Structures are given as C-alpha cells and as structure tokens.
Amino acid sequence: MKPLVVASNMFNEIDQVESWYANMCEVADSGIVVVDTGSDDGTREFFESKPNVVFITDDIILREGYGPARNHLREMSRQHFPEAHWMIYLDADERIEKEDYHNLRFLKDYLIPEYDVIALPRANRLSHDTKETKVDVMVNPDYQARMTRLDSPLRYIRKLHEQIVGFKQILAFTSNPKIQHFHRTTSPEKRDYIGKVCAKLHMEDAEHGDSYPMHHKEQHYRDLLEKEGL
C-alpha cells in the first residue's frame, strides 16, 4: 500500500467541513492536512478536535497565490506524514464519490512510477441532490492535476490557475476518479470572496499574468475588490 494524504487550503468553511471531513476519511489512509487562512467561524475548532488532522494557520494563498500554496501543502504533507507516498488536494466544496474509491486506491497502489501525476476529471455539479453538471464530464473532463507523488521534484507555478512543472508523466483519462465540484451550490457571499481573491492574484501575477486571459466576470470582481476589499 502507498499511503495518501488529503490536503486542503480553507477559509471559513464551517458549512462544508463536516461532510468534507467524512468524505476525506474514506480517501486519506495516511492523514489530512488543512492550511487555513484564519477562519473565525468554527472551522479551526472543528478540525482541531480530529486526531488525524494537522491544522495549520497560514494566509499563504493571499500572500503568495495558489501555486506556492499547493507546493506548501506538499511540503507540509511530507513533514507531518513522512510515510505517505501520494498527496491529493481537494477544496472544501469538492468530494470523491463512493463509486470511485476503489479506482483511486488501485491507482495509488499500483500505478507505474513513470507517472508521478494523476489528473482527475472535475464535474462541476449544479446541486447537491442530483448529478446534473454544467458540462458533461465525458465531453469536457476539466482535468485537474491534483494527485502527485510526494517524492517527485515537481512543483506548481503561477498565483492563479496554477500549472505543474518538473514532472515525468501525467495520467489523464476520463476513467480516472472524478472530483465532484459543488462551487455553484455555495453562497453568493462565498463566491464573491473567491472571485475577489482570484482577481487580486491575477493582478499581482506579474511574471505569468499575461499568459492567461481575464475571466469574463473578472472585471466585476476587480471592481468589487476595490470597493469592498477582502
């Protein structure tokens, strides 16, 4: 068996953490790392009561961006769970469904070492009570390079829409375990906060910022950021 760490960056996710934690306990056979920006809604207290969770307070996303935050999750996973072989990062609004547990375990335990990244298709779900998605995951898999070997020298770059470099090969098939993404079911306030954070990071990403276009709603979030702040 090649143990897996589940890692996540969070901020004020108390409405999500109970179901997220229950789901991740089915996936993580090494432990769970949560790096929190500074929640004040009970998220900290929830995770600090769990024996298999390492909870760290660090505003690395706001300070450095998503790429460095993913590298930090890998570093913390290696440090706190040295027996682990893999790390997968999943946000508070993301789940792995029961039907994919076996496939996930098979890949982590038996995938040949020439592949040090597993890209998971992401299904952008429109609600919690149905499997309706914005786009058919078999037509547009929206691959996410989320599962990585901890002994690989790979790293993530860019503050926003992070990319992965320094890897050997990526395993990307629609048959891979799927990330069920429930972003569209979160509150408007949460979506606005994430939109403002992304707008901030895009404007700050001088090295890579021109390499990807503005989201069609980004100007709205830039204006909102200027008006409201974070």
C-alpha atoms as a PDB file:
ATOM      1  CA  MET A   1       0.000   0.000   0.000  1.00  0.00           C
ATOM      2  CA  LYS A   2       1.194   3.529  -0.831  1.00  0.00           C
ATOM      3  CA  PRO A   3      -0.392   5.886   1.730  1.00  0.00           C
ATOM      4  CA  LEU A   4      -2.219   9.013   0.606  1.00  0.00           C
ATOM      5  CA  VAL A   5      -2.512  12.410   2.310  1.00  0.00           C
ATOM      6  CA  VAL A   6      -5.520  14.621   1.604  1.00  0.00           C
ATOM      7  CA  ALA A   7      -4.609  18.318   1.836  1.00  0.00           C
ATOM      8  CA  SER A   8      -6.634  21.494   1.519  1.00  0.00           C
ATOM      9  CA  ASN A   9      -6.498  25.271   1.831  1.00  0.00           C
ATOM     10  CA  MET A  10      -9.545  26.642   3.639  1.00  0.00           C
ATOM     11  CA  PHE A  11     -11.146  29.793   4.987  1.00  0.00           C
ATOM     12  CA  ASN A  12     -14.457  29.933   6.889  1.00  0.00           C
ATOM     13  CA  GLU A  13     -15.864  26.628   5.637  1.00  0.00           C
ATOM     14  CA  ILE A  14     -17.921  25.568   8.651  1.00  0.00           C
ATOM     15  CA  ASP A  15     -20.961  24.807   6.467  1.00  0.00           C
ATOM     16  CA  GLN A  16     -18.894  22.324   4.441  1.00  0.00           C
ATOM     17  CA  VAL A  17     -16.369  20.769   6.789  1.00  0.00           C
ATOM     18  CA  GLU A  18     -18.457  18.001   8.360  1.00  0.00           C
ATOM     19  CA  SER A  19     -19.384  16.357   5.056  1.00  0.00           C
ATOM     20  CA  TRP A  20     -15.952  17.132   3.568  1.00  0.00           C
ATOM     21  CA  TYR A  21     -14.167  15.515   6.504  1.00  0.00           C
ATOM     22  CA  ALA A  22     -16.367  12.409   6.406  1.00  0.00           C
ATOM     23  CA  ASN A  23     -15.672  12.043   2.697  1.00  0.00           C
ATOM     24  CA  MET A  24     -11.932  12.592   3.051  1.00  0.00           C
ATOM     25  CA  CYS A  25     -11.650   9.996   5.820  1.00  0.00           C
ATOM     26  CA  GLU A  26     -12.682   7.441   3.190  1.00  0.00           C
ATOM     27  CA  VAL A  27      -9.856   8.615   0.923  1.00  0.00           C
ATOM     28  CA  ALA A  28      -6.934   9.504   3.219  1.00  0.00           C
ATOM     29  CA  ASP A  29      -5.155   6.427   4.562  1.00  0.00           C
ATOM     30  CA  SER A  30      -2.239   8.492   5.865  1.00  0.00           C
ATOM     31  CA  GLY A  31      -3.748  11.708   7.214  1.00  0.00           C
ATOM     32  CA  ILE A  32      -5.253  15.095   6.424  1.00  0.00           C
ATOM     33  CA  VAL A  33      -3.540  18.484   6.235  1.00  0.00           C
ATOM     34  CA  VAL A  34      -5.599  21.677   6.405  1.00  0.00           C
ATOM     35  CA  VAL A  35      -3.869  25.033   5.874  1.00  0.00           C
ATOM     36  CA  ASP A  36      -6.309  27.720   6.952  1.00  0.00           C
ATOM     37  CA  THR A  37      -6.184  31.419   6.097  1.00  0.00           C
ATOM     38  CA  GLY A  38      -7.579  32.411   9.502  1.00  0.00           C
ATOM     39  CA  SER A  39     -11.131  31.129   9.897  1.00  0.00           C
ATOM     40  CA  ASP A  40     -13.287  32.600  12.659  1.00  0.00           C
ATOM     41  CA  ASP A  41     -16.487  30.612  12.066  1.00  0.00           C
ATOM     42  CA  GLY A  42     -15.658  27.357  13.877  1.00  0.00           C
ATOM     43  CA  THR A  43     -13.615  25.720  11.105  1.00  0.00           C
ATOM     44  CA  ARG A  44     -10.495  25.720  13.283  1.00  0.00           C
ATOM     45  CA  GLU A  45     -12.274  24.231  16.278  1.00  0.00           C
ATOM     46  CA  PHE A  46     -13.818  21.501  14.147  1.00  0.00           C
ATOM     47  CA  PHE A  47     -10.520  20.292  12.730  1.00  0.00           C
ATOM     48  CA  GLU A  48      -8.512  20.710  15.914  1.00  0.00           C
ATOM     49  CA  SER A  49     -10.765  18.111  17.530  1.00  0.00           C
ATOM     50  CA  LYS A  50      -9.898  15.471  14.893  1.00  0.00           C
ATOM     51  CA  PRO A  51      -6.950  13.160  15.678  1.00  0.00           C
ATOM     52  CA  ASN A  52      -5.906  12.503  12.067  1.00  0.00           C
ATOM     53  CA  VAL A  53      -5.804  16.183  11.007  1.00  0.00           C
ATOM     54  CA  VAL A  54      -2.847  18.561  11.035  1.00  0.00           C
ATOM     55  CA  PHE A  55      -4.295  22.086  11.178  1.00  0.00           C
ATOM     56  CA  ILE A  56      -2.022  24.998  10.225  1.00  0.00           C
ATOM     57  CA  THR A  57      -2.909  28.688  10.139  1.00  0.00           C
ATOM     58  CA  ASP A  58      -1.160  30.454   7.257  1.00  0.00           C
ATOM     59  CA  ASP A  59      -2.506  33.028   4.774  1.00  0.00           C
ATOM     60  CA  ILE A  60      -0.214  31.742   2.015  1.00  0.00           C
ATOM     61  CA  ILE A  61      -2.857  31.991  -0.735  1.00  0.00           C
ATOM     62  CA  LEU A  62      -3.427  35.697  -0.099  1.00  0.00           C
ATOM     63  CA  ARG A  63       0.284  36.294   0.365  1.00  0.00           C
ATOM     64  CA  GLU A  64       1.774  34.194  -2.442  1.00  0.00           C
ATOM     65  CA  GLY A  65      -1.020  32.668  -4.519  1.00  0.00           C
ATOM     66  CA  TYR A  66      -2.339  29.231  -5.403  1.00  0.00           C
ATOM     67  CA  GLY A  67       0.826  27.775  -6.960  1.00  0.00           C
ATOM     68  CA  PRO A  68       3.004  28.374  -3.865  1.00  0.00           C
ATOM     69  CA  ALA A  69       0.077  27.251  -1.669  1.00  0.00           C
ATOM     70  CA  ARG A  70      -0.014  23.870  -3.443  1.00  0.00           C
ATOM     71  CA  ASN A  71       3.755  23.498  -3.002  1.00  0.00           C
ATOM     72  CA  HIS A  72       3.303  24.308   0.675  1.00  0.00           C
ATOM     73  CA  LEU A  73       0.651  21.596   1.019  1.00  0.00           C
ATOM     74  CA  ARG A  74       3.119  19.092  -0.442  1.00  0.00           C
ATOM     75  CA  GLU A  75       5.830  20.249   1.947  1.00  0.00           C
ATOM     76  CA  MET A  76       3.511  20.012   4.972  1.00  0.00           C
ATOM     77  CA  SER A  77       2.316  16.570   3.869  1.00  0.00           C
ATOM     78  CA  ARG A  78       5.887  15.281   3.684  1.00  0.00           C
ATOM     79  CA  GLN A  79       6.769  16.858   7.020  1.00  0.00           C
ATOM     80  CA  HIS A  80       3.794  15.659   9.042  1.00  0.00           C
ATOM     81  CA  PHE A  81       3.161  12.310   7.310  1.00  0.00           C
ATOM     82  CA  PRO A  82       6.628  11.079   6.243  1.00  0.00           C
ATOM     83  CA  GLU A  83       5.291   7.599   5.457  1.00  0.00           C
ATOM     84  CA  ALA A  84       2.942   8.999   2.784  1.00  0.00           C
ATOM     85  CA  HIS A  85       3.619   8.369  -0.887  1.00  0.00           C
ATOM     86  CA  TRP A  86       0.891  10.485  -2.517  1.00  0.00           C
ATOM     87  CA  MET A  87      -0.883  13.766  -1.823  1.00  0.00           C
ATOM     88  CA  ILE A  88      -4.205  14.902  -3.270  1.00  0.00           C
ATOM     89  CA  TYR A  89      -5.562  18.375  -2.645  1.00  0.00           C
ATOM     90  CA  LEU A  90      -9.297  18.931  -2.569  1.00  0.00           C
ATOM     91  CA  ASP A  91     -11.139  22.122  -1.688  1.00  0.00           C
ATOM     92  CA  ALA A  92     -13.959  22.257   0.861  1.00  0.00           C
ATOM     93  CA  ASP A  93     -16.563  22.212  -1.931  1.00  0.00           C
ATOM     94  CA  GLU A  94     -15.094  19.110  -3.597  1.00  0.00           C
ATOM     95  CA  ARG A  95     -15.782  15.422  -2.978  1.00  0.00           C
ATOM     96  CA  ILE A  96     -14.813  11.985  -4.274  1.00  0.00           C
ATOM     97  CA  GLU A  97     -17.845   9.739  -4.634  1.00  0.00           C
ATOM     98  CA  LYS A  98     -18.010   6.214  -3.198  1.00  0.00           C
ATOM     99  CA  GLU A  99     -18.108   4.670  -6.650  1.00  0.00           C
ATOM    100  CA  ASP A 100     -14.571   5.992  -7.269  1.00  0.00           C
ATOM    101  CA  TYR A 101     -12.939   4.859  -4.016  1.00  0.00           C
ATOM    102  CA  HIS A 102     -11.717   1.533  -5.390  1.00  0.00           C
ATOM    103  CA  ASN A 103     -10.298   3.083  -8.554  1.00  0.00           C
ATOM    104  CA  LEU A 104      -8.468   5.731  -6.522  1.00  0.00           C
ATOM    105  CA  ARG A 105      -6.914   3.129  -4.244  1.00  0.00           C
ATOM    106  CA  PHE A 106      -5.919   0.934  -7.158  1.00  0.00           C
ATOM    107  CA  LEU A 107      -4.162   3.810  -8.948  1.00  0.00           C
ATOM    108  CA  LYS A 108      -2.238   4.994  -5.907  1.00  0.00           C
ATOM    109  CA  ASP A 109      -1.058   1.491  -5.015  1.00  0.00           C
ATOM    110  CA  TYR A 110      -0.254   0.092  -8.462  1.00  0.00           C
ATOM    111  CA  LEU A 111       0.399   2.931 -10.926  1.00  0.00           C
ATOM    112  CA  ILE A 112       3.837   2.546 -12.525  1.00  0.00           C
ATOM    113  CA  PRO A 113       6.428   5.105 -11.305  1.00  0.00           C
ATOM    114  CA  GLU A 114       6.780   6.700 -14.761  1.00  0.00           C
ATOM    115  CA  TYR A 115       3.587   8.562 -13.882  1.00  0.00           C
ATOM    116  CA  ASP A 116       4.037  10.935 -10.956  1.00  0.00           C
ATOM    117  CA  VAL A 117       0.849  12.951 -11.507  1.00  0.00           C
ATOM    118  CA  ILE A 118      -2.755  11.771 -11.767  1.00  0.00           C
ATOM    119  CA  ALA A 119      -5.155  14.250 -13.360  1.00  0.00           C
ATOM    120  CA  LEU A 120      -8.726  13.885 -12.164  1.00  0.00           C
ATOM    121  CA  PRO A 121     -11.703  14.910 -14.305  1.00  0.00           C
ATOM    122  CA  ARG A 122     -13.774  17.532 -12.490  1.00  0.00           C
ATOM    123  CA  ALA A 123     -17.563  17.510 -12.677  1.00  0.00           C
ATOM    124  CA  ASN A 124     -18.993  20.941 -11.915  1.00  0.00           C
ATOM    125  CA  ARG A 125     -22.189  19.968 -10.138  1.00  0.00           C
ATOM    126  CA  LEU A 126     -25.205  22.276 -10.162  1.00  0.00           C
ATOM    127  CA  SER A 127     -26.741  20.933  -6.953  1.00  0.00           C
ATOM    128  CA  HIS A 128     -26.120  18.506  -4.099  1.00  0.00           C
ATOM    129  CA  ASP A 129     -29.235  16.436  -4.656  1.00  0.00           C
ATOM    130  CA  THR A 130     -28.717  15.484  -8.318  1.00  0.00           C
ATOM    131  CA  LYS A 131     -25.797  14.580 -10.552  1.00  0.00           C
ATOM    132  CA  GLU A 132     -26.629  17.332 -13.025  1.00  0.00           C
ATOM    133  CA  THR A 133     -23.487  19.130 -14.205  1.00  0.00           C
ATOM    134  CA  LYS A 134     -22.838  22.302 -16.146  1.00  0.00           C
ATOM    135  CA  VAL A 135     -20.962  20.367 -18.844  1.00  0.00           C
ATOM    136  CA  ASP A 136     -20.818  16.604 -19.412  1.00  0.00           C
ATOM    137  CA  VAL A 137     -17.569  15.453 -17.786  1.00  0.00           C
ATOM    138  CA  MET A 138     -17.077  12.896 -20.568  1.00  0.00           C
ATOM    139  CA  VAL A 139     -17.167  15.683 -23.173  1.00  0.00           C
ATOM    140  CA  ASN A 140     -15.211  18.298 -21.223  1.00  0.00           C
ATOM    141  CA  PRO A 141     -13.276  16.486 -18.455  1.00  0.00           C
ATOM    142  CA  ASP A 142     -11.792  19.705 -16.968  1.00  0.00           C
ATOM    143  CA  TYR A 143      -8.718  17.759 -15.853  1.00  0.00           C
ATOM    144  CA  GLN A 144      -7.176  18.817 -12.535  1.00  0.00           C
ATOM    145  CA  ALA A 145      -3.555  17.785 -11.803  1.00  0.00           C
ATOM    146  CA  ARG A 146      -4.325  17.274  -8.124  1.00  0.00           C
ATOM    147  CA  MET A 147      -2.781  13.922  -7.160  1.00  0.00           C
ATOM    148  CA  THR A 148       1.020  13.863  -7.036  1.00  0.00           C
ATOM    149  CA  ARG A 149       3.800  11.636  -5.736  1.00  0.00           C
ATOM    150  CA  LEU A 150       5.457  13.264  -2.749  1.00  0.00           C
ATOM    151  CA  ASP A 151       8.913  12.031  -3.762  1.00  0.00           C
ATOM    152  CA  SER A 152       8.686  13.837  -7.126  1.00  0.00           C
ATOM    153  CA  PRO A 153      10.573  17.144  -7.623  1.00  0.00           C
ATOM    154  CA  LEU A 154       7.544  18.630  -9.407  1.00  0.00           C
ATOM    155  CA  ARG A 155       6.181  21.994  -8.365  1.00  0.00           C
ATOM    156  CA  TYR A 156       3.275  24.310  -9.052  1.00  0.00           C
ATOM    157  CA  ILE A 157       3.739  27.755 -10.577  1.00  0.00           C
ATOM    158  CA  ARG A 158       1.591  30.885 -11.050  1.00  0.00           C
ATOM    159  CA  LYS A 159      -0.514  32.684  -8.475  1.00  0.00           C
ATOM    160  CA  LEU A 160      -3.744  31.911 -10.301  1.00  0.00           C
ATOM    161  CA  HIS A 161      -4.738  28.931 -12.465  1.00  0.00           C
ATOM    162  CA  GLU A 162      -1.638  27.175 -11.199  1.00  0.00           C
ATOM    163  CA  GLN A 163       0.263  24.904 -13.537  1.00  0.00           C
ATOM    164  CA  ILE A 164       2.527  21.975 -12.761  1.00  0.00           C
ATOM    165  CA  VAL A 165       6.156  21.717 -13.949  1.00  0.00           C
ATOM    166  CA  GLY A 166       9.082  19.351 -13.384  1.00  0.00           C
ATOM    167  CA  PHE A 167       7.049  16.145 -13.621  1.00  0.00           C
ATOM    168  CA  LYS A 168       7.647  12.952 -15.590  1.00  0.00           C
ATOM    169  CA  GLN A 169       4.211  11.993 -16.943  1.00  0.00           C
ATOM    170  CA  ILE A 170       0.572  12.756 -16.160  1.00  0.00           C
ATOM    171  CA  LEU A 171      -2.066  10.027 -16.209  1.00  0.00           C
ATOM    172  CA  ALA A 172      -5.192  11.674 -17.606  1.00  0.00           C
ATOM    173  CA  PHE A 173      -8.180   9.528 -18.546  1.00  0.00           C
ATOM    174  CA  THR A 174     -11.906  10.095 -18.200  1.00  0.00           C
ATOM    175  CA  SER A 175     -11.997   6.777 -16.326  1.00  0.00           C
ATOM    176  CA  ASN A 176      -9.892   8.277 -13.511  1.00  0.00           C
ATOM    177  CA  PRO A 177     -11.667   9.099 -10.239  1.00  0.00           C
ATOM    178  CA  LYS A 178     -13.714  12.262 -10.591  1.00  0.00           C
ATOM    179  CA  ILE A 179     -13.749  15.388  -8.473  1.00  0.00           C
ATOM    180  CA  GLN A 180     -17.341  16.341  -7.697  1.00  0.00           C
ATOM    181  CA  HIS A 181     -17.211  20.144  -7.517  1.00  0.00           C
ATOM    182  CA  PHE A 182     -20.041  21.929  -5.687  1.00  0.00           C
ATOM    183  CA  HIS A 183     -18.834  25.521  -6.062  1.00  0.00           C
ATOM    184  CA  ARG A 184     -22.127  26.541  -7.690  1.00  0.00           C
ATOM    185  CA  THR A 185     -24.067  25.432  -4.627  1.00  0.00           C
ATOM    186  CA  THR A 186     -22.131  27.666  -2.200  1.00  0.00           C
ATOM    187  CA  SER A 187     -23.416  31.035  -1.019  1.00  0.00           C
ATOM    188  CA  PRO A 188     -23.163  34.181  -3.214  1.00  0.00           C
ATOM    189  CA  GLU A 189     -21.007  35.746  -0.481  1.00  0.00           C
ATOM    190  CA  LYS A 190     -18.516  32.866  -0.664  1.00  0.00           C
ATOM    191  CA  ARG A 191     -18.385  33.001  -4.460  1.00  0.00           C
ATOM    192  CA  ASP A 192     -17.812  36.763  -4.307  1.00  0.00           C
ATOM    193  CA  TYR A 193     -14.955  36.291  -1.844  1.00  0.00           C
ATOM    194  CA  ILE A 194     -13.271  33.701  -4.076  1.00  0.00           C
ATOM    195  CA  GLY A 195     -13.819  35.927  -7.114  1.00  0.00           C
ATOM    196  CA  LYS A 196     -12.138  38.849  -5.360  1.00  0.00           C
ATOM    197  CA  VAL A 197      -9.191  36.700  -4.264  1.00  0.00           C
ATOM    198  CA  CYS A 198      -8.703  35.447  -7.831  1.00  0.00           C
ATOM    199  CA  ALA A 199      -8.910  38.996  -9.220  1.00  0.00           C
ATOM    200  CA  LYS A 200      -6.292  40.133  -6.693  1.00  0.00           C
ATOM    201  CA  LEU A 201      -3.910  37.303  -7.556  1.00  0.00           C
ATOM    202  CA  HIS A 202      -4.299  37.801 -11.301  1.00  0.00           C
ATOM    203  CA  MET A 203      -3.381  41.464 -10.986  1.00  0.00           C
ATOM    204  CA  GLU A 204      -0.358  40.590  -8.848  1.00  0.00           C
ATOM    205  CA  ASP A 205       0.963  37.785 -11.028  1.00  0.00           C
ATOM    206  CA  ALA A 206       3.417  39.932 -12.971  1.00  0.00           C
ATOM    207  CA  GLU A 207       5.512  37.013 -14.215  1.00  0.00           C
ATOM    208  CA  HIS A 208       2.612  34.953 -15.581  1.00  0.00           C
ATOM    209  CA  GLY A 209      -0.407  37.265 -15.528  1.00  0.00           C
ATOM    210  CA  ASP A 210      -0.438  37.994 -19.253  1.00  0.00           C
ATOM    211  CA  SER A 211      -0.230  34.312 -20.133  1.00  0.00           C
ATOM    212  CA  TYR A 212      -3.901  33.696 -19.349  1.00  0.00           C
ATOM    213  CA  PRO A 213      -6.861  35.944 -20.145  1.00  0.00           C
ATOM    214  CA  MET A 214      -9.233  37.593 -17.730  1.00  0.00           C
ATOM    215  CA  HIS A 215     -12.286  35.582 -16.754  1.00  0.00           C
ATOM    216  CA  HIS A 216     -15.483  37.057 -18.226  1.00  0.00           C
ATOM    217  CA  LYS A 217     -16.541  38.182 -14.716  1.00  0.00           C
ATOM    218  CA  GLU A 218     -13.116  39.271 -13.534  1.00  0.00           C
ATOM    219  CA  GLN A 219     -13.620  42.987 -14.097  1.00  0.00           C
ATOM    220  CA  HIS A 220     -16.714  42.769 -11.912  1.00  0.00           C
ATOM    221  CA  TYR A 221     -14.641  41.187  -9.138  1.00  0.00           C
ATOM    222  CA  ARG A 222     -11.840  43.707  -9.588  1.00  0.00           C
ATOM    223  CA  ASP A 223     -14.372  46.495  -9.129  1.00  0.00           C
ATOM    224  CA  LEU A 224     -15.858  44.677  -6.123  1.00  0.00           C
ATOM    225  CA  LEU A 225     -12.407  44.241  -4.615  1.00  0.00           C
ATOM    226  CA  GLU A 226     -11.643  47.925  -4.999  1.00  0.00           C
ATOM    227  CA  LYS A 227     -14.964  48.843  -3.423  1.00  0.00           C
ATOM    228  CA  GLU A 228     -15.129  46.288  -0.589  1.00  0.00           C
ATOM    229  CA  GLY A 229     -11.649  44.830  -0.117  1.00  0.00           C
ATOM    230  CA  LEU A 230     -11.331  41.262   1.092  1.00  0.00           C
END
